[in-house]
């Protein structure tokens, strides 16, 4: 059973994460078109994926749910993190070309 303190912590972190994502969306809506806006949008997407993976971790810890469709949540979480690292590595690789820093 989840305690009142755990519930408060879960709700607080969820609200803070959601507000951060909404604030980032607001900031992106004010930016002009271009490579920087495209890059910022991709970074926001990756942050959102990390946020979702963190929600999976919180579900596992606070609600004592360890599987989804027969797959352990930790495997799903690590799969999400691995995917994000691959995408970030590609973004870092292409960043100099995007911002015309390439030789």
N, C-alpha and C. Protein backbone atom coordinates (compact mmCIF):
# COMPACT_ATOMS: atom_id res chain seq x y z
N UNK A 1 0.84 -1.18 0.00
CA UNK A 1 0.00 0.00 0.00
C UNK A 1 0.89 1.25 0.00
N UNK A 2 0.47 2.23 -0.72
CA UNK A 2 1.24 3.46 -0.83
C UNK A 2 0.90 4.38 0.36
N UNK A 3 1.94 4.94 0.96
CA UNK A 3 1.74 5.83 2.10
C UNK A 3 1.38 7.23 1.61
N UNK A 4 0.93 8.05 2.53
CA UNK A 4 0.55 9.42 2.19
C UNK A 4 1.78 10.22 1.75
N UNK A 5 2.92 9.99 2.38
CA UNK A 5 4.15 10.69 2.00
C UNK A 5 4.59 10.29 0.60
N UNK A 6 4.52 8.99 0.30
CA UNK A 6 4.89 8.52 -1.04
C UNK A 6 3.95 9.11 -2.08
N UNK A 7 2.66 9.14 -1.79
CA UNK A 7 1.69 9.70 -2.72
C UNK A 7 1.97 11.19 -2.97
N UNK A 8 2.28 11.92 -1.90
CA UNK A 8 2.60 13.34 -2.04
C UNK A 8 3.86 13.55 -2.87
N UNK A 9 4.87 12.74 -2.63
CA UNK A 9 6.10 12.83 -3.41
C UNK A 9 5.86 12.50 -4.87
N UNK A 10 5.09 11.46 -5.12
CA UNK A 10 4.77 11.06 -6.50
C UNK A 10 4.01 12.16 -7.22
N UNK A 11 3.02 12.74 -6.56
CA UNK A 11 2.24 13.81 -7.18
C UNK A 11 3.07 15.07 -7.40
N UNK A 12 3.92 15.41 -6.44
CA UNK A 12 4.75 16.61 -6.57
C UNK A 12 5.72 16.49 -7.73
N UNK A 13 6.42 15.37 -7.81
CA UNK A 13 7.37 15.20 -8.92
C UNK A 13 6.64 15.13 -10.25
N UNK A 14 5.48 14.53 -10.28
CA UNK A 14 4.70 14.47 -11.52
C UNK A 14 4.26 15.85 -11.97
N UNK A 15 3.80 16.66 -11.04
CA UNK A 15 3.36 18.01 -11.38
C UNK A 15 4.54 18.86 -11.84
N UNK A 16 5.66 18.78 -11.13
CA UNK A 16 6.84 19.56 -11.52
C UNK A 16 7.32 19.15 -12.92
N UNK A 17 7.38 17.86 -13.18
CA UNK A 17 7.80 17.39 -14.51
C UNK A 17 6.86 17.85 -15.60
N UNK A 18 5.57 17.78 -15.35
CA UNK A 18 4.59 18.21 -16.35
C UNK A 18 4.67 19.71 -16.59
N UNK A 19 4.83 20.49 -15.54
CA UNK A 19 4.97 21.95 -15.70
C UNK A 19 6.24 22.28 -16.49
N UNK A 20 7.33 21.56 -16.22
CA UNK A 20 8.58 21.81 -16.96
C UNK A 20 8.40 21.53 -18.45
N UNK A 21 7.73 20.45 -18.78
CA UNK A 21 7.50 20.13 -20.19
C UNK A 21 6.58 21.17 -20.83
N UNK A 22 5.52 21.56 -20.14
CA UNK A 22 4.62 22.58 -20.69
C UNK A 22 5.33 23.92 -20.87
N UNK A 23 6.20 24.29 -19.93
CA UNK A 23 6.98 25.52 -20.06
C UNK A 23 7.90 25.45 -21.28
N UNK A 24 8.53 24.31 -21.48
CA UNK A 24 9.40 24.15 -22.65
C UNK A 24 8.60 24.25 -23.95
N UNK A 25 7.41 23.70 -23.97
CA UNK A 25 6.56 23.81 -25.17
C UNK A 25 6.21 25.28 -25.41
N UNK A 26 5.90 26.02 -24.34
CA UNK A 26 5.61 27.45 -24.48
C UNK A 26 6.80 28.21 -25.05
N UNK A 27 7.99 27.92 -24.53
CA UNK A 27 9.20 28.58 -25.02
C UNK A 27 9.42 28.24 -26.49
N UNK A 28 9.23 26.98 -26.86
CA UNK A 28 9.42 26.59 -28.27
C UNK A 28 8.43 27.30 -29.18
N UNK A 29 7.23 27.53 -28.69
CA UNK A 29 6.23 28.20 -29.54
C UNK A 29 6.63 29.65 -29.82
N UNK A 30 7.45 30.24 -28.98
CA UNK A 30 7.89 31.63 -29.16
C UNK A 30 9.15 31.74 -30.03
N UNK A 31 9.81 30.61 -30.30
CA UNK A 31 11.04 30.65 -31.09
C UNK A 31 10.73 30.75 -32.57
N UNK A 32 11.65 31.37 -33.31
CA UNK A 32 11.52 31.46 -34.75
C UNK A 32 11.87 30.12 -35.39
N UNK A 33 11.40 29.92 -36.61
CA UNK A 33 11.75 28.70 -37.34
C UNK A 33 13.24 28.66 -37.59
N UNK A 34 13.76 27.45 -37.67
CA UNK A 34 15.18 27.30 -37.97
C UNK A 34 15.78 26.09 -37.29
N UNK A 35 17.09 25.95 -37.47
CA UNK A 35 17.79 24.79 -36.95
C UNK A 35 17.78 24.73 -35.42
N UNK A 36 17.88 25.90 -34.78
CA UNK A 36 17.89 25.91 -33.31
C UNK A 36 16.54 25.44 -32.76
N UNK A 37 15.44 25.87 -33.38
CA UNK A 37 14.12 25.43 -32.94
C UNK A 37 13.95 23.94 -33.19
N UNK A 38 14.42 23.45 -34.31
CA UNK A 38 14.34 22.02 -34.62
C UNK A 38 15.15 21.22 -33.60
N UNK A 39 16.34 21.68 -33.30
CA UNK A 39 17.18 21.01 -32.33
C UNK A 39 16.54 21.03 -30.94
N UNK A 40 16.00 22.17 -30.55
CA UNK A 40 15.35 22.30 -29.24
C UNK A 40 14.13 21.40 -29.14
N UNK A 41 13.38 21.27 -30.22
CA UNK A 41 12.22 20.38 -30.23
C UNK A 41 12.64 18.94 -30.04
N UNK A 42 13.72 18.54 -30.68
CA UNK A 42 14.21 17.17 -30.52
C UNK A 42 14.68 16.92 -29.10
N UNK A 43 15.35 17.89 -28.51
CA UNK A 43 15.79 17.75 -27.12
C UNK A 43 14.59 17.65 -26.19
N UNK A 44 13.55 18.46 -26.42
CA UNK A 44 12.35 18.38 -25.60
C UNK A 44 11.70 17.00 -25.73
N UNK A 45 11.69 16.46 -26.90
CA UNK A 45 11.15 15.11 -27.10
C UNK A 45 11.94 14.09 -26.28
N UNK A 46 13.25 14.20 -26.29
CA UNK A 46 14.07 13.27 -25.53
C UNK A 46 13.86 13.45 -24.02
N UNK A 47 13.71 14.68 -23.57
CA UNK A 47 13.42 14.91 -22.16
C UNK A 47 12.08 14.29 -21.79
N UNK A 48 11.11 14.40 -22.68
CA UNK A 48 9.80 13.79 -22.43
C UNK A 48 9.90 12.27 -22.33
N UNK A 49 10.75 11.68 -23.13
CA UNK A 49 10.95 10.23 -23.07
C UNK A 49 11.58 9.85 -21.74
N UNK A 50 12.56 10.62 -21.28
CA UNK A 50 13.15 10.38 -19.96
C UNK A 50 12.10 10.53 -18.86
N UNK A 51 11.23 11.51 -19.01
CA UNK A 51 10.16 11.73 -18.04
C UNK A 51 9.24 10.50 -17.99
N UNK A 52 8.90 9.97 -19.14
CA UNK A 52 8.05 8.77 -19.20
C UNK A 52 8.74 7.58 -18.54
N UNK A 53 10.02 7.42 -18.80
CA UNK A 53 10.77 6.32 -18.18
C UNK A 53 10.83 6.51 -16.66
N UNK A 54 10.95 7.74 -16.21
CA UNK A 54 10.93 8.02 -14.77
C UNK A 54 9.58 7.68 -14.16
N UNK A 55 8.52 7.92 -14.92
CA UNK A 55 7.18 7.54 -14.44
C UNK A 55 7.07 6.03 -14.29
N UNK A 56 7.68 5.30 -15.21
CA UNK A 56 7.71 3.84 -15.08
C UNK A 56 8.43 3.42 -13.81
N UNK A 57 9.56 4.07 -13.52
CA UNK A 57 10.32 3.76 -12.30
C UNK A 57 9.49 4.07 -11.06
N UNK A 58 8.80 5.21 -11.05
CA UNK A 58 7.96 5.56 -9.92
C UNK A 58 6.82 4.57 -9.74
N UNK A 59 6.24 4.13 -10.84
CA UNK A 59 5.19 3.13 -10.77
C UNK A 59 5.70 1.85 -10.13
N UNK A 60 6.89 1.47 -10.53
CA UNK A 60 7.48 0.25 -9.99
C UNK A 60 7.77 0.39 -8.50
N UNK A 61 8.28 1.53 -8.08
CA UNK A 61 8.67 1.72 -6.68
C UNK A 61 7.45 1.96 -5.79
N UNK A 62 6.61 2.92 -6.16
CA UNK A 62 5.53 3.34 -5.28
C UNK A 62 4.31 2.42 -5.33
N UNK A 63 3.95 1.96 -6.50
CA UNK A 63 2.73 1.17 -6.63
C UNK A 63 3.00 -0.33 -6.62
N UNK A 64 4.27 -0.72 -6.56
CA UNK A 64 4.67 -2.12 -6.50
C UNK A 64 4.15 -2.91 -7.71
N UNK A 65 4.18 -2.26 -8.87
CA UNK A 65 3.85 -2.92 -10.14
C UNK A 65 5.16 -3.18 -10.85
N UNK A 66 5.43 -4.43 -11.18
CA UNK A 66 6.74 -4.78 -11.73
C UNK A 66 6.68 -5.30 -13.17
N UNK A 67 5.48 -5.48 -13.71
CA UNK A 67 5.38 -6.00 -15.07
C UNK A 67 4.29 -5.27 -15.85
N UNK A 68 4.50 -5.21 -17.16
CA UNK A 68 3.48 -4.72 -18.08
C UNK A 68 3.45 -5.67 -19.25
N UNK A 69 2.33 -6.30 -19.46
CA UNK A 69 2.16 -7.30 -20.53
C UNK A 69 3.21 -8.41 -20.43
N UNK A 70 3.54 -8.79 -19.20
CA UNK A 70 4.49 -9.87 -18.99
C UNK A 70 5.96 -9.46 -19.11
N UNK A 71 6.21 -8.18 -19.36
CA UNK A 71 7.59 -7.69 -19.50
C UNK A 71 7.92 -6.89 -18.24
N UNK A 72 9.04 -7.18 -17.59
CA UNK A 72 9.42 -6.40 -16.41
C UNK A 72 9.61 -4.92 -16.77
N UNK A 73 9.08 -4.04 -15.92
CA UNK A 73 9.18 -2.60 -16.18
C UNK A 73 10.63 -2.13 -16.28
N UNK A 74 11.52 -2.77 -15.55
CA UNK A 74 12.92 -2.34 -15.62
C UNK A 74 13.50 -2.58 -17.02
N UNK A 75 13.09 -3.66 -17.70
CA UNK A 75 13.55 -3.89 -19.07
C UNK A 75 13.00 -2.83 -20.03
N UNK A 76 11.74 -2.46 -19.83
CA UNK A 76 11.15 -1.42 -20.67
C UNK A 76 11.88 -0.09 -20.43
N UNK A 77 12.15 0.20 -19.16
CA UNK A 77 12.86 1.43 -18.81
C UNK A 77 14.25 1.47 -19.43
N UNK A 78 15.00 0.39 -19.30
CA UNK A 78 16.34 0.35 -19.87
C UNK A 78 16.30 0.41 -21.39
N UNK A 79 15.29 -0.18 -21.98
CA UNK A 79 15.13 -0.08 -23.43
C UNK A 79 14.89 1.35 -23.87
N UNK A 80 14.06 2.07 -23.12
CA UNK A 80 13.80 3.48 -23.43
C UNK A 80 15.07 4.29 -23.29
N UNK A 81 15.82 4.08 -22.20
CA UNK A 81 17.07 4.82 -22.01
C UNK A 81 18.07 4.51 -23.12
N UNK A 82 18.17 3.26 -23.52
CA UNK A 82 19.11 2.90 -24.59
C UNK A 82 18.73 3.58 -25.89
N UNK A 83 17.44 3.62 -26.20
CA UNK A 83 16.98 4.29 -27.41
C UNK A 83 17.31 5.78 -27.36
N UNK A 84 17.10 6.40 -26.21
CA UNK A 84 17.41 7.82 -26.07
C UNK A 84 18.91 8.07 -26.25
N UNK A 85 19.74 7.22 -25.69
CA UNK A 85 21.19 7.40 -25.85
C UNK A 85 21.61 7.27 -27.31
N UNK A 86 21.01 6.37 -28.04
CA UNK A 86 21.33 6.22 -29.46
C UNK A 86 20.92 7.49 -30.22
N UNK A 87 19.73 7.99 -29.94
CA UNK A 87 19.26 9.20 -30.61
C UNK A 87 20.14 10.39 -30.25
N UNK A 88 20.50 10.52 -28.97
CA UNK A 88 21.37 11.62 -28.56
C UNK A 88 22.75 11.54 -29.21
N UNK A 89 23.28 10.33 -29.30
CA UNK A 89 24.59 10.17 -29.94
C UNK A 89 24.51 10.63 -31.40
N UNK A 90 23.44 10.28 -32.08
CA UNK A 90 23.27 10.71 -33.47
C UNK A 90 23.13 12.24 -33.54
N UNK A 91 22.37 12.81 -32.62
CA UNK A 91 22.19 14.26 -32.61
C UNK A 91 23.52 14.98 -32.37
N UNK A 92 24.31 14.47 -31.45
CA UNK A 92 25.62 15.08 -31.19
C UNK A 92 26.52 14.94 -32.41
N UNK A 93 26.42 13.81 -33.09
CA UNK A 93 27.22 13.57 -34.29
C UNK A 93 26.84 14.56 -35.39
N UNK A 94 25.54 14.84 -35.54
CA UNK A 94 25.09 15.72 -36.64
C UNK A 94 25.05 17.20 -36.25
N UNK A 95 25.23 17.52 -34.97
CA UNK A 95 25.13 18.91 -34.52
C UNK A 95 26.10 19.84 -35.24
N UNK A 96 27.38 19.50 -35.40
CA UNK A 96 28.27 20.43 -36.10
C UNK A 96 27.81 20.75 -37.52
N UNK A 97 27.27 19.76 -38.21
CA UNK A 97 26.79 19.98 -39.57
C UNK A 97 25.54 20.85 -39.56
N UNK A 98 24.65 20.61 -38.59
CA UNK A 98 23.41 21.38 -38.51
C UNK A 98 23.69 22.86 -38.28
N UNK A 99 24.63 23.16 -37.41
CA UNK A 99 24.94 24.55 -37.09
C UNK A 99 26.13 25.07 -37.87
N UNK A 100 26.51 24.36 -38.92
CA UNK A 100 27.55 24.75 -39.86
C UNK A 100 28.90 24.96 -39.17
N UNK A 101 29.23 24.05 -38.24
CA UNK A 101 30.54 24.05 -37.62
C UNK A 101 31.45 23.03 -38.26
N UNK A 102 30.92 22.25 -39.20
CA UNK A 102 31.71 21.18 -39.82
C UNK A 102 32.81 21.78 -40.68
N UNK A 103 33.86 20.99 -40.83
CA UNK A 103 35.00 21.44 -41.65
C UNK A 103 34.73 21.26 -43.11
